[in-house]
PDB file of N, CA and C in Angstrom:
ATOM      1  N   MET A   1      -9.198 -35.074 -12.253  1.00  0.00           N
ATOM      2  CA  MET A   1      -8.221 -34.658 -12.924  1.00  0.00           C
ATOM      3  C   MET A   1      -9.197 -33.249 -13.223  1.00  0.00           C
ATOM      4  N   ALA A   2     -10.192 -32.987 -12.923  1.00  0.00           N
ATOM      5  CA  ALA A   2     -10.693 -31.917 -13.301  1.00  0.00           C
ATOM      6  C   ALA A   2     -10.406 -30.784 -12.211  1.00  0.00           C
ATOM      7  N   SER A   3     -10.282 -31.190 -10.992  1.00  0.00           N
ATOM      8  CA  SER A   3      -9.872 -30.141 -10.017  1.00  0.00           C
ATOM      9  C   SER A   3      -8.175 -29.328 -10.299  1.00  0.00           C
ATOM     10  N   ASN A   4      -7.364 -30.658 -10.578  1.00  0.00           N
ATOM     11  CA  ASN A   4      -6.273 -30.251 -11.168  1.00  0.00           C
ATOM     12  C   ASN A   4      -6.107 -28.784 -12.157  1.00  0.00           C
ATOM     13  N   THR A   5      -6.721 -29.500 -13.071  1.00  0.00           N
ATOM     14  CA  THR A   5      -7.073 -28.234 -14.479  1.00  0.00           C
ATOM     15  C   THR A   5      -8.017 -26.970 -13.505  1.00  0.00           C
ATOM     16  N   THR A   6      -9.088 -26.941 -12.791  1.00  0.00           N
ATOM     17  CA  THR A   6      -9.334 -25.786 -12.060  1.00  0.00           C
ATOM     18  C   THR A   6      -8.300 -25.253 -10.990  1.00  0.00           C
ATOM     19  N   GLN A   7      -7.404 -26.061 -10.744  1.00  0.00           N
ATOM     20  CA  GLN A   7      -6.302 -25.215  -9.519  1.00  0.00           C
ATOM     21  C   GLN A   7      -5.285 -24.500 -10.363  1.00  0.00           C
ATOM     22  N   LYS A   8      -4.969 -25.197 -11.985  1.00  0.00           N
ATOM     23  CA  LYS A   8      -4.415 -24.328 -13.031  1.00  0.00           C
ATOM     24  C   LYS A   8      -4.730 -23.249 -12.748  1.00  0.00           C
ATOM     25  N   THR A   9      -5.731 -23.439 -13.295  1.00  0.00           N
ATOM     26  CA  THR A   9      -6.808 -21.940 -13.842  1.00  0.00           C
ATOM     27  C   THR A   9      -6.712 -20.634 -13.355  1.00  0.00           C
ATOM     28  N   VAL A  10      -7.056 -21.409 -11.388  1.00  0.00           N
ATOM     29  CA  VAL A  10      -6.698 -20.211 -10.744  1.00  0.00           C
ATOM     30  C   VAL A  10      -5.485 -19.658 -10.455  1.00  0.00           C
ATOM     31  N   LEU A  11      -4.373 -20.431 -10.387  1.00  0.00           N
ATOM     32  CA  LEU A  11      -3.215 -20.097 -10.457  1.00  0.00           C
ATOM     33  C   LEU A  11      -3.007 -19.232 -11.503  1.00  0.00           C
ATOM     34  N   LYS A  12      -3.176 -19.325 -12.694  1.00  0.00           N
ATOM     35  CA  LYS A  12      -2.915 -18.783 -14.005  1.00  0.00           C
ATOM     36  C   LYS A  12      -3.550 -17.285 -13.426  1.00  0.00           C
ATOM     37  N   ARG A  13      -4.906 -17.668 -13.530  1.00  0.00           N
ATOM     38  CA  ARG A  13      -5.435 -16.105 -13.285  1.00  0.00           C
ATOM     39  C   ARG A  13      -4.543 -15.165 -12.094  1.00  0.00           C
ATOM     40  N   GLU A  14      -4.563 -16.186 -11.142  1.00  0.00           N
ATOM     41  CA  GLU A  14      -3.692 -15.061  -9.695  1.00  0.00           C
ATOM     42  C   GLU A  14      -2.538 -14.315 -10.528  1.00  0.00           C
ATOM     43  N   SER A  15      -1.788 -15.127 -11.316  1.00  0.00           N
ATOM     44  CA  SER A  15      -0.250 -14.735 -11.740  1.00  0.00           C
ATOM     45  C   SER A  15      -0.429 -13.819 -12.654  1.00  0.00           C
ATOM     46  N   GLU A  16      -2.013 -13.596 -13.521  1.00  0.00           N
ATOM     47  CA  GLU A  16      -1.978 -12.398 -14.469  1.00  0.00           C
ATOM     48  C   GLU A  16      -2.188 -11.470 -13.717  1.00  0.00           C
ATOM     49  N   THR A  17      -3.503 -11.382 -12.710  1.00  0.00           N
ATOM     50  CA  THR A  17      -3.576 -10.137 -12.220  1.00  0.00           C
ATOM     51  C   THR A  17      -2.489  -9.580 -11.437  1.00  0.00           C
ATOM     52  N   SER A  18      -1.557 -10.316 -10.568  1.00  0.00           N
ATOM     53  CA  SER A  18      -0.448 -10.033  -9.981  1.00  0.00           C
ATOM     54  C   SER A  18       0.639  -9.314 -11.134  1.00  0.00           C
ATOM     55  N   SER A  19       0.529  -9.484 -12.568  1.00  0.00           N
ATOM     56  CA  SER A  19       1.639  -8.745 -13.162  1.00  0.00           C
ATOM     57  C   SER A  19       0.702  -7.613 -13.502  1.00  0.00           C
ATOM     58  N   GLU A  20      -0.683  -7.393 -13.234  1.00  0.00           N
ATOM     59  CA  GLU A  20      -1.044  -6.228 -13.454  1.00  0.00           C
ATOM     60  C   GLU A  20      -1.361  -4.976 -12.391  1.00  0.00           C
ATOM     61  N   MET A  21      -0.993  -5.451 -11.693  1.00  0.00           N
ATOM     62  CA  MET A  21      -0.938  -4.678 -10.015  1.00  0.00           C
ATOM     63  C   MET A  21       0.635  -3.882 -10.195  1.00  0.00           C
ATOM     64  N   PRO A  22       0.328  -2.254 -10.264  1.00  0.00           N
ATOM     65  CA  PRO A  22       1.337  -1.537 -10.268  1.00  0.00           C
ATOM     66  C   PRO A  22       2.363  -1.952  -9.411  1.00  0.00           C
ATOM     67  N   PRO A  23       3.828  -1.794  -9.542  1.00  0.00           N
ATOM     68  CA  PRO A  23       4.627  -1.749  -8.653  1.00  0.00           C
ATOM     69  C   PRO A  23       4.880  -1.107  -7.414  1.00  0.00           C
ATOM     70  N   ILE A  24       5.145  -1.226  -6.444  1.00  0.00           N
ATOM     71  CA  ILE A  24       5.176  -0.476  -5.010  1.00  0.00           C
ATOM     72  C   ILE A  24       6.773  -0.227  -4.904  1.00  0.00           C
ATOM     73  N   ASN A  25       7.384   1.018  -5.138  1.00  0.00           N
ATOM     74  CA  ASN A  25       8.497   1.322  -4.710  1.00  0.00           C
ATOM     75  C   ASN A  25       8.599   2.922  -4.044  1.00  0.00           C
ATOM     76  N   GLU A  26       9.989   3.191  -3.590  1.00  0.00           N
ATOM     77  CA  GLU A  26      10.106   4.381  -2.769  1.00  0.00           C
ATOM     78  C   GLU A  26       9.692   5.334  -3.577  1.00  0.00           C
ATOM     79  N   ARG A  27       9.395   5.597  -5.012  1.00  0.00           N
ATOM     80  CA  ARG A  27       8.665   6.838  -5.846  1.00  0.00           C
ATOM     81  C   ARG A  27       7.285   6.399  -5.484  1.00  0.00           C
ATOM     82  N   THR A  28       6.354   5.579  -5.242  1.00  0.00           N
ATOM     83  CA  THR A  28       5.388   5.215  -5.001  1.00  0.00           C
ATOM     84  C   THR A  28       4.819   5.706  -3.763  1.00  0.00           C
ATOM     85  N   LEU A  29       5.725   5.223  -2.538  1.00  0.00           N
ATOM     86  CA  LEU A  29       5.476   5.991  -1.277  1.00  0.00           C
ATOM     87  C   LEU A  29       5.827   7.220  -1.083  1.00  0.00           C
ATOM     88  N   ARG A  30       6.880   7.855  -1.856  1.00  0.00           N
ATOM     89  CA  ARG A  30       6.757   9.422  -1.852  1.00  0.00           C
ATOM     90  C   ARG A  30       5.681  10.128  -2.244  1.00  0.00           C
ATOM     91  N   GLU A  31       4.948   9.428  -3.242  1.00  0.00           N
ATOM     92  CA  GLU A  31       3.867  10.262  -4.006  1.00  0.00           C
ATOM     93  C   GLU A  31       2.767  10.088  -3.267  1.00  0.00           C
ATOM     94  N   LEU A  32       2.623   9.240  -2.349  1.00  0.00           N
ATOM     95  CA  LEU A  32       1.695   8.692  -1.606  1.00  0.00           C
ATOM     96  C   LEU A  32       1.625   9.859  -0.507  1.00  0.00           C
ATOM     97  N   ALA A  33       2.885  10.051   0.142  1.00  0.00           N
ATOM     98  CA  ALA A  33       3.051  10.609   1.038  1.00  0.00           C
ATOM     99  C   ALA A  33       2.445  12.390   0.829  1.00  0.00           C
ATOM    100  N   LYS A  34       3.063  12.939  -0.152  1.00  0.00           N
ATOM    101  CA  LYS A  34       2.791  13.943  -0.644  1.00  0.00           C
ATOM    102  C   LYS A  34       1.230  14.465  -0.740  1.00  0.00           C
ATOM    103  N   ASN A  35       0.352  13.450  -0.882  1.00  0.00           N
ATOM    104  CA  ASN A  35      -1.088  13.501  -1.664  1.00  0.00           C
ATOM    105  C   ASN A  35      -1.930  12.708  -0.148  1.00  0.00           C
ATOM    106  N   LEU A  36      -1.615  12.127   0.807  1.00  0.00           N
ATOM    107  CA  LEU A  36      -2.500  11.297   1.786  1.00  0.00           C
ATOM    108  C   LEU A  36      -3.119  12.083   2.583  1.00  0.00           C
ATOM    109  N   PRO A  37      -4.388  12.298   2.256  1.00  0.00           N
ATOM    110  CA  PRO A  37      -4.933  12.870   3.679  1.00  0.00           C
ATOM    111  C   PRO A  37      -5.519  11.939   4.542  1.00  0.00           C
ATOM    112  N   ASN A  38      -5.431  12.506   5.849  1.00  0.00           N
ATOM    113  CA  ASN A  38      -5.866  11.452   7.128  1.00  0.00           C
ATOM    114  C   ASN A  38      -4.877  10.139   7.531  1.00  0.00           C
ATOM    115  N   TRP A  39      -3.551  10.786   7.159  1.00  0.00           N
ATOM    116  CA  TRP A  39      -2.829   9.417   7.000  1.00  0.00           C
ATOM    117  C   TRP A  39      -2.409   8.462   8.881  1.00  0.00           C
ATOM    118  N   GLU A  40      -3.114   9.218   9.822  1.00  0.00           N
ATOM    119  CA  GLU A  40      -2.724   8.378  10.850  1.00  0.00           C
ATOM    120  C   GLU A  40      -4.153   7.262  10.611  1.00  0.00           C
ATOM    121  N   GLN A  41      -4.920   7.598   9.989  1.00  0.00           N
ATOM    122  CA  GLN A  41      -6.521   6.188  10.050  1.00  0.00           C
ATOM    123  C   GLN A  41      -5.463   5.580   8.857  1.00  0.00           C
ATOM    124  N   VAL A  42      -4.982   5.669   7.833  1.00  0.00           N
ATOM    125  CA  VAL A  42      -4.391   4.947   6.860  1.00  0.00           C
ATOM    126  C   VAL A  42      -3.449   3.915   7.576  1.00  0.00           C
ATOM    127  N   ALA A  43      -2.744   4.271   8.330  1.00  0.00           N
ATOM    128  CA  ALA A  43      -1.989   3.573   9.511  1.00  0.00           C
ATOM    129  C   ALA A  43      -2.479   2.738   9.904  1.00  0.00           C
ATOM    130  N   SER A  44      -3.870   3.261  10.512  1.00  0.00           N
ATOM    131  CA  SER A  44      -4.087   2.240  11.330  1.00  0.00           C
ATOM    132  C   SER A  44      -4.804   1.048  10.923  1.00  0.00           C
ATOM    133  N   TYR A  45      -5.140   1.235   9.645  1.00  0.00           N
ATOM    134  CA  TYR A  45      -5.597   0.113   8.336  1.00  0.00           C
ATOM    135  C   TYR A  45      -4.290  -0.777   7.690  1.00  0.00           C
ATOM    136  N   LEU A  46      -3.235  -0.027   7.802  1.00  0.00           N
ATOM    137  CA  LEU A  46      -1.944  -1.085   7.560  1.00  0.00           C
ATOM    138  C   LEU A  46      -1.362  -1.727   8.800  1.00  0.00           C
ATOM    139  N   HIS A  47      -2.108  -1.551   9.797  1.00  0.00           N
ATOM    140  CA  HIS A  47      -1.691  -2.272  10.987  1.00  0.00           C
ATOM    141  C   HIS A  47      -0.464  -1.497  11.303  1.00  0.00           C
ATOM    142  N   ILE A  48       0.065  -0.262  11.423  1.00  0.00           N
ATOM    143  CA  ILE A  48       0.689   0.661  12.172  1.00  0.00           C
ATOM    144  C   ILE A  48       0.193   1.457  13.588  1.00  0.00           C
ATOM    145  N   THR A  49       1.074   0.909  14.254  1.00  0.00           N
ATOM    146  CA  THR A  49       0.378   0.957  15.927  1.00  0.00           C
ATOM    147  C   THR A  49       0.396   2.556  16.202  1.00  0.00           C
ATOM    148  N   THR A  50      -0.530   3.233  17.057  1.00  0.00           N
ATOM    149  CA  THR A  50      -0.854   4.561  17.072  1.00  0.00           C
ATOM    150  C   THR A  50       0.692   4.809  17.961  1.00  0.00           C
ATOM    151  N   ILE A  51       1.196   4.079  18.684  1.00  0.00           N
ATOM    152  CA  ILE A  51       2.596   4.238  19.463  1.00  0.00           C
ATOM    153  C   ILE A  51       3.576   4.322  18.241  1.00  0.00           C
ATOM    154  N   ARG A  52       3.724   3.747  17.193  1.00  0.00           N
ATOM    155  CA  ARG A  52       4.349   3.864  15.990  1.00  0.00           C
ATOM    156  C   ARG A  52       4.576   5.263  15.606  1.00  0.00           C
ATOM    157  N   VAL A  53       3.033   5.935  15.473  1.00  0.00           N
ATOM    158  CA  VAL A  53       2.447   6.962  14.571  1.00  0.00           C
ATOM    159  C   VAL A  53       3.149   7.990  15.335  1.00  0.00           C
ATOM    160  N   GLY A  54       3.151   8.121  16.577  1.00  0.00           N
ATOM    161  CA  GLY A  54       3.696   9.029  17.705  1.00  0.00           C
ATOM    162  C   GLY A  54       5.165   8.992  17.545  1.00  0.00           C
ATOM    163  N   ARG A  55       5.760   8.488  17.500  1.00  0.00           N
ATOM    164  CA  ARG A  55       7.415   8.198  17.353  1.00  0.00           C
ATOM    165  C   ARG A  55       7.516   8.957  16.125  1.00  0.00           C
ATOM    166  N   LEU A  56       6.731   8.254  14.765  1.00  0.00           N
ATOM    167  CA  LEU A  56       7.305   9.133  13.731  1.00  0.00           C
ATOM    168  C   LEU A  56       6.859  10.753  13.862  1.00  0.00           C
ATOM    169  N   LYS A  57       5.885  11.190  14.412  1.00  0.00           N
ATOM    170  CA  LYS A  57       6.183  12.546  14.472  1.00  0.00           C
ATOM    171  C   LYS A  57       6.845  13.314  15.539  1.00  0.00           C
ATOM    172  N   ALA A  58       7.337  12.551  16.248  1.00  0.00           N
ATOM    173  CA  ALA A  58       8.421  13.174  17.286  1.00  0.00           C
ATOM    174  C   ALA A  58       9.901  12.765  16.342  1.00  0.00           C
ATOM    175  N   GLU A  59       9.990  12.088  15.713  1.00  0.00           N
ATOM    176  CA  GLU A  59      11.190  11.798  14.779  1.00  0.00           C
ATOM    177  C   GLU A  59      11.451  12.986  13.856  1.00  0.00           C
ATOM    178  N   CYS A  60      10.004  13.035  12.934  1.00  0.00           N
ATOM    179  CA  CYS A  60      10.026  14.113  12.221  1.00  0.00           C
ATOM    180  C   CYS A  60       9.064  15.284  12.435  1.00  0.00           C
ATOM    181  N   PRO A  61       9.563  16.060  13.798  1.00  0.00           N
ATOM    182  CA  PRO A  61       8.242  17.119  13.967  1.00  0.00           C
ATOM    183  C   PRO A  61       8.250  18.192  12.577  1.00  0.00           C
ATOM    184  N   GLY A  62       6.806  18.670  12.387  1.00  0.00           N
ATOM    185  CA  GLY A  62       7.175  19.741  11.325  1.00  0.00           C
ATOM    186  C   GLY A  62       7.042  19.469   9.907  1.00  0.00           C
ATOM    187  N   ASN A  63       7.745  17.866   9.657  1.00  0.00           N
ATOM    188  CA  ASN A  63       7.701  17.297   8.491  1.00  0.00           C
ATOM    189  C   ASN A  63       6.714  16.106   8.147  1.00  0.00           C
ATOM    190  N   ILE A  64       4.954  16.770   8.027  1.00  0.00           N
ATOM    191  CA  ILE A  64       4.135  15.705   7.476  1.00  0.00           C
ATOM    192  C   ILE A  64       4.577  14.601   7.005  1.00  0.00           C
ATOM    193  N   ASP A  65       4.867  15.285   5.444  1.00  0.00           N
ATOM    194  CA  ASP A  65       5.006  14.286   4.164  1.00  0.00           C
ATOM    195  C   ASP A  65       6.590  13.083   4.769  1.00  0.00           C
ATOM    196  N   GLU A  66       7.400  13.615   5.362  1.00  0.00           N
ATOM    197  CA  GLU A  66       8.304  12.754   5.590  1.00  0.00           C
ATOM    198  C   GLU A  66       7.643  11.745   6.921  1.00  0.00           C
ATOM    199  N   GLN A  67       6.871  11.995   7.682  1.00  0.00           N
ATOM    200  CA  GLN A  67       6.327  11.380   8.686  1.00  0.00           C
ATOM    201  C   GLN A  67       5.239  10.392   7.952  1.00  0.00           C
ATOM    202  N   ILE A  68       4.689  10.552   7.221  1.00  0.00           N
ATOM    203  CA  ILE A  68       3.717   9.529   6.237  1.00  0.00           C
ATOM    204  C   ILE A  68       4.833   9.135   5.251  1.00  0.00           C
ATOM    205  N   PHE A  69       5.955   9.213   4.519  1.00  0.00           N
ATOM    206  CA  PHE A  69       6.516   8.726   3.904  1.00  0.00           C
ATOM    207  C   PHE A  69       7.082   7.196   4.936  1.00  0.00           C
ATOM    208  N   GLN A  70       7.782   7.643   6.153  1.00  0.00           N
ATOM    209  CA  GLN A  70       8.421   6.770   6.811  1.00  0.00           C
ATOM    210  C   GLN A  70       7.295   5.791   7.456  1.00  0.00           C
ATOM    211  N   MET A  71       6.017   6.195   8.008  1.00  0.00           N
ATOM    212  CA  MET A  71       5.007   5.049   7.963  1.00  0.00           C
ATOM    213  C   MET A  71       4.887   4.413   6.952  1.00  0.00           C
ATOM    214  N   LEU A  72       4.719   4.703   5.685  1.00  0.00           N
ATOM    215  CA  LEU A  72       4.746   4.020   4.483  1.00  0.00           C
ATOM    216  C   LEU A  72       5.760   2.788   4.386  1.00  0.00           C
ATOM    217  N   HIS A  73       6.693   3.461   4.539  1.00  0.00           N
ATOM    218  CA  HIS A  73       8.245   2.521   4.295  1.00  0.00           C
ATOM    219  C   HIS A  73       8.096   1.250   5.259  1.00  0.00           C
ATOM    220  N   ILE A  74       7.727   1.694   6.606  1.00  0.00           N
ATOM    221  CA  ILE A  74       7.828   0.786   7.738  1.00  0.00           C
ATOM    222  C   ILE A  74       6.648  -0.176   7.188  1.00  0.00           C
ATOM    223  N   TRP A  75       5.360  -0.305   6.751  1.00  0.00           N
ATOM    224  CA  TRP A  75       4.574  -0.972   6.316  1.00  0.00           C
ATOM    225  C   TRP A  75       5.104  -2.047   5.220  1.00  0.00           C
ATOM    226  N   TYR A  76       5.738  -1.155   4.337  1.00  0.00           N
ATOM    227  CA  TYR A  76       6.273  -1.843   2.741  1.00  0.00           C
ATOM    228  C   TYR A  76       7.422  -2.674   3.245  1.00  0.00           C
ATOM    229  N   SER A  77       8.124  -2.203   4.097  1.00  0.00           N
ATOM    230  CA  SER A  77       9.347  -2.969   4.981  1.00  0.00           C
ATOM    231  C   SER A  77       8.929  -4.411   4.848  1.00  0.00           C
ATOM    232  N   ARG A  78       7.837  -4.355   6.445  1.00  0.00           N
ATOM    233  CA  ARG A  78       7.439  -5.495   6.692  1.00  0.00           C
ATOM    234  C   ARG A  78       6.580  -6.115   6.046  1.00  0.00           C
ATOM    235  N   PHE A  79       5.859  -5.627   5.138  1.00  0.00           N
ATOM    236  CA  PHE A  79       4.824  -6.203   4.145  1.00  0.00           C
ATOM    237  C   PHE A  79       5.853  -6.949   3.257  1.00  0.00           C
ATOM    238  N   HIS A  80       6.457  -6.708   2.514  1.00  0.00           N
ATOM    239  CA  HIS A  80       6.913  -6.916   1.001  1.00  0.00           C
ATOM    240  C   HIS A  80       8.073  -7.794   1.381  1.00  0.00           C
ATOM    241  N   LEU A  81       8.230  -8.318   2.387  1.00  0.00           N
ATOM    242  CA  LEU A  81       9.242  -9.560   2.734  1.00  0.00           C
ATOM    243  C   LEU A  81       8.094 -11.106   2.630  1.00  0.00           C
ATOM    244  N   ALA A  82       6.815 -10.554   3.439  1.00  0.00           N
ATOM    245  CA  ALA A  82       6.097 -11.723   3.688  1.00  0.00           C
ATOM    246  C   ALA A  82       5.056 -12.175   2.324  1.00  0.00           C
ATOM    247  N   THR A  83       5.020 -11.116   1.299  1.00  0.00           N
ATOM    248  CA  THR A  83       4.107 -11.580   0.382  1.00  0.00           C
ATOM    249  C   THR A  83       4.652 -11.296  -1.069  1.00  0.00           C
ATOM    250  N   ASN A  84       3.591 -11.418  -2.132  1.00  0.00           N
ATOM    251  CA  ASN A  84       3.910 -11.160  -3.418  1.00  0.00           C
ATOM    252  C   ASN A  84       3.327  -9.537  -3.558  1.00  0.00           C
ATOM    253  N   ARG A  85       3.432  -9.033  -4.862  1.00  0.00           N
ATOM    254  CA  ARG A  85       3.316  -7.909  -5.225  1.00  0.00           C
ATOM    255  C   ARG A  85       1.684  -7.427  -5.587  1.00  0.00           C
ATOM    256  N   HIS A  86       1.019  -8.766  -5.525  1.00  0.00           N
ATOM    257  CA  HIS A  86      -0.236  -8.531  -5.798  1.00  0.00           C
ATOM    258  C   HIS A  86      -1.211  -8.450  -4.290  1.00  0.00           C
ATOM    259  N   GLN A  87      -0.660  -8.722  -3.832  1.00  0.00           N
ATOM    260  CA  GLN A  87      -1.293  -8.860  -1.990  1.00  0.00           C
ATOM    261  C   GLN A  87      -0.756  -7.433  -1.297  1.00  0.00           C
ATOM    262  N   MET A  88       0.532  -7.058  -1.574  1.00  0.00           N
ATOM    263  CA  MET A  88       0.855  -6.027  -1.105  1.00  0.00           C
ATOM    264  C   MET A  88      -0.214  -4.720  -1.558  1.00  0.00           C
ATOM    265  N   GLY A  89      -0.133  -4.911  -2.786  1.00  0.00           N
ATOM    266  CA  GLY A  89      -1.096  -3.545  -3.547  1.00  0.00           C
ATOM    267  C   GLY A  89      -2.518  -3.713  -3.231  1.00  0.00           C
ATOM    268  N   GLU A  90      -2.950  -5.302  -3.066  1.00  0.00           N
ATOM    269  CA  GLU A  90      -4.643  -5.293  -2.302  1.00  0.00           C
ATOM    270  C   GLU A  90      -4.683  -4.512  -1.002  1.00  0.00           C
ATOM    271  N   GLU A  91      -3.888  -4.803  -0.153  1.00  0.00           N
ATOM    272  CA  GLU A  91      -3.490  -4.214   1.116  1.00  0.00           C
ATOM    273  C   GLU A  91      -3.690  -2.965   1.208  1.00  0.00           C
ATOM    274  N   LEU A  92      -2.542  -2.125   0.556  1.00  0.00           N
ATOM    275  CA  LEU A  92      -2.543  -0.545   0.247  1.00  0.00           C
ATOM    276  C   LEU A  92      -3.990  -0.214  -0.050  1.00  0.00           C
ATOM    277  N   ILE A  93      -4.684  -0.815  -1.352  1.00  0.00           N
ATOM    278  CA  ILE A  93      -5.742  -0.430  -1.707  1.00  0.00           C
ATOM    279  C   ILE A  93      -6.979  -0.233  -0.792  1.00  0.00           C
ATOM    280  N   ASP A  94      -6.885  -1.395  -0.212  1.00  0.00           N
ATOM    281  CA  ASP A  94      -8.191  -1.424   1.237  1.00  0.00           C
ATOM    282  C   ASP A  94      -7.748  -0.552   2.098  1.00  0.00           C
ATOM    283  N   ALA A  95      -6.557  -0.441   2.312  1.00  0.00           N
ATOM    284  CA  ALA A  95      -6.460   0.365   3.366  1.00  0.00           C
ATOM    285  C   ALA A  95      -6.760   2.107   2.991  1.00  0.00           C
ATOM    286  N   LEU A  96      -6.527   2.386   1.901  1.00  0.00           N
ATOM    287  CA  LEU A  96      -6.841   3.392   1.264  1.00  0.00           C
ATOM    288  C   LEU A  96      -8.008   4.007   1.132  1.00  0.00           C
ATOM    289  N   LYS A  97      -8.886   2.892   0.443  1.00  0.00           N
ATOM    290  CA  LYS A  97     -10.182   2.649   0.337  1.00  0.00           C
ATOM    291  C   LYS A  97     -11.180   2.816   1.657  1.00  0.00           C
ATOM    292  N   GLN A  98     -10.857   2.570   2.597  1.00  0.00           N
ATOM    293  CA  GLN A  98     -11.314   3.063   4.049  1.00  0.00           C
ATOM    294  C   GLN A  98     -11.286   4.466   4.247  1.00  0.00           C
ATOM    295  N   VAL A  99     -10.440   5.253   3.798  1.00  0.00           N
ATOM    296  CA  VAL A  99     -10.425   6.417   4.261  1.00  0.00           C
ATOM    297  C   VAL A  99     -10.774   7.378   2.875  1.00  0.00           C
ATOM    298  N   GLU A 100     -11.808   8.900   3.850  1.00  0.00           N
ATOM    299  CA  GLU A 100     -12.427   9.422   2.530  1.00  0.00           C
ATOM    300  C   GLU A 100     -11.368  10.243   2.051  1.00  0.00           C
ATOM    301  N   GLY A 101     -11.424  10.550   0.791  1.00  0.00           N
ATOM    302  CA  GLY A 101     -10.611  11.642   0.022  1.00  0.00           C
ATOM    303  C   GLY A 101      -9.752  10.906  -0.550  1.00  0.00           C
ATOM    304  N   THR A 102      -9.500   9.608  -0.688  1.00  0.00           N
ATOM    305  CA  THR A 102      -8.347   9.001  -1.288  1.00  0.00           C
ATOM    306  C   THR A 102      -8.951   8.238  -2.284  1.00  0.00           C
ATOM    307  N   GLU A 103      -9.876   8.540  -3.151  1.00  0.00           N
ATOM    308  CA  GLU A 103     -10.478   7.759  -4.332  1.00  0.00           C
ATOM    309  C   GLU A 103      -9.569   8.293  -5.509  1.00  0.00           C
ATOM    310  N   ASP A 104      -8.890   9.497  -5.343  1.00  0.00           N
ATOM    311  CA  ASP A 104      -8.041  10.167  -6.643  1.00  0.00           C
ATOM    312  C   ASP A 104      -6.834   9.175  -6.575  1.00  0.00           C
ATOM    313  N   LEU A 105      -6.054   8.875  -5.392  1.00  0.00           N
ATOM    314  CA  LEU A 105      -4.808   8.055  -4.834  1.00  0.00           C
ATOM    315  C   LEU A 105      -5.176   6.732  -5.751  1.00  0.00           C
ATOM    316  N   VAL A 106      -6.352   5.811  -5.144  1.00  0.00           N
ATOM    317  CA  VAL A 106      -6.213   5.187  -5.490  1.00  0.00           C
ATOM    318  C   VAL A 106      -6.487   4.574  -7.277  1.00  0.00           C
ATOM    319  N   ALA A 107      -6.855   5.080  -7.778  1.00  0.00           N
ATOM    320  CA  ALA A 107      -7.379   5.629  -9.288  1.00  0.00           C
ATOM    321  C   ALA A 107      -6.021   5.782  -9.705  1.00  0.00           C
ATOM    322  N   ARG A 108      -5.143   6.533  -9.383  1.00  0.00           N
ATOM    323  CA  ARG A 108      -3.595   6.822  -9.991  1.00  0.00           C
ATOM    324  C   ARG A 108      -2.893   5.995  -9.532  1.00  0.00           C
ATOM    325  N   TYR A 109      -2.724   5.223  -8.298  1.00  0.00           N
ATOM    326  CA  TYR A 109      -2.090   3.981  -8.237  1.00  0.00           C
ATOM    327  C   TYR A 109      -2.413   3.014  -9.406  1.00  0.00           C
ATOM    328  N   LEU A 110      -3.753   2.508  -9.261  1.00  0.00           N
ATOM    329  CA  LEU A 110      -3.958   1.450 -10.217  1.00  0.00           C
ATOM    330  C   LEU A 110      -3.651   1.647 -11.469  1.00  0.00           C
ATOM    331  N   SER A 111      -3.897   3.131 -12.449  1.00  0.00           N
ATOM    332  CA  SER A 111      -3.361   3.132 -13.479  1.00  0.00           C
ATOM    333  C   SER A 111      -1.885   3.137 -13.583  1.00  0.00           C
ATOM    334  N   GLY A 112      -1.138   3.288 -12.749  1.00  0.00           N
ATOM    335  CA  GLY A 112       0.607   3.373 -12.842  1.00  0.00           C
ATOM    336  C   GLY A 112       0.963   4.922 -12.747  1.00  0.00           C
ATOM    337  N   ASN A 113      -0.167   5.769 -12.494  1.00  0.00           N
ATOM    338  CA  ASN A 113       0.429   6.982 -12.403  1.00  0.00           C
ATOM    339  C   ASN A 113       0.960   8.087 -11.425  1.00  0.00           C
ATOM    340  N   MET A 114       1.470   7.150 -10.286  1.00  0.00           N
ATOM    341  CA  MET A 114       2.200   7.720  -9.241  1.00  0.00           C
ATOM    342  C   MET A 114       3.635   8.281  -9.698  1.00  0.00           C
ATOM    343  N   LYS A 115       3.290   9.577 -10.520  1.00  0.00           N
ATOM    344  CA  LYS A 115       4.689  10.223 -10.846  1.00  0.00           C
ATOM    345  C   LYS A 115       4.664  11.180 -10.424  1.00  0.00           C
TER     346      LYS A 115
END
């Protein structure tokens, strides 16, 4: 009986945490694209291949914001189908934290200030 109660407590905590994670939507992706340093490194942490990054550069030459947005959109499209919002936000935060200069973006995302 104790394990059932523990399991319910864990599930409750997970759902509470999930509801606290800010949404990731197109607006969030656009805001990240405008402010993301070293986006190719972030792409690798989001499991976007260097080949795909090269294609994005060729598809959007000279438009770095669009290259970054398309990279994030690829990740978002692939990732959001397989998991919940909390897991998706955690993966994004983990990737951003691996790259220098993204502390402000992480703080803004977590505070819900991606406007």
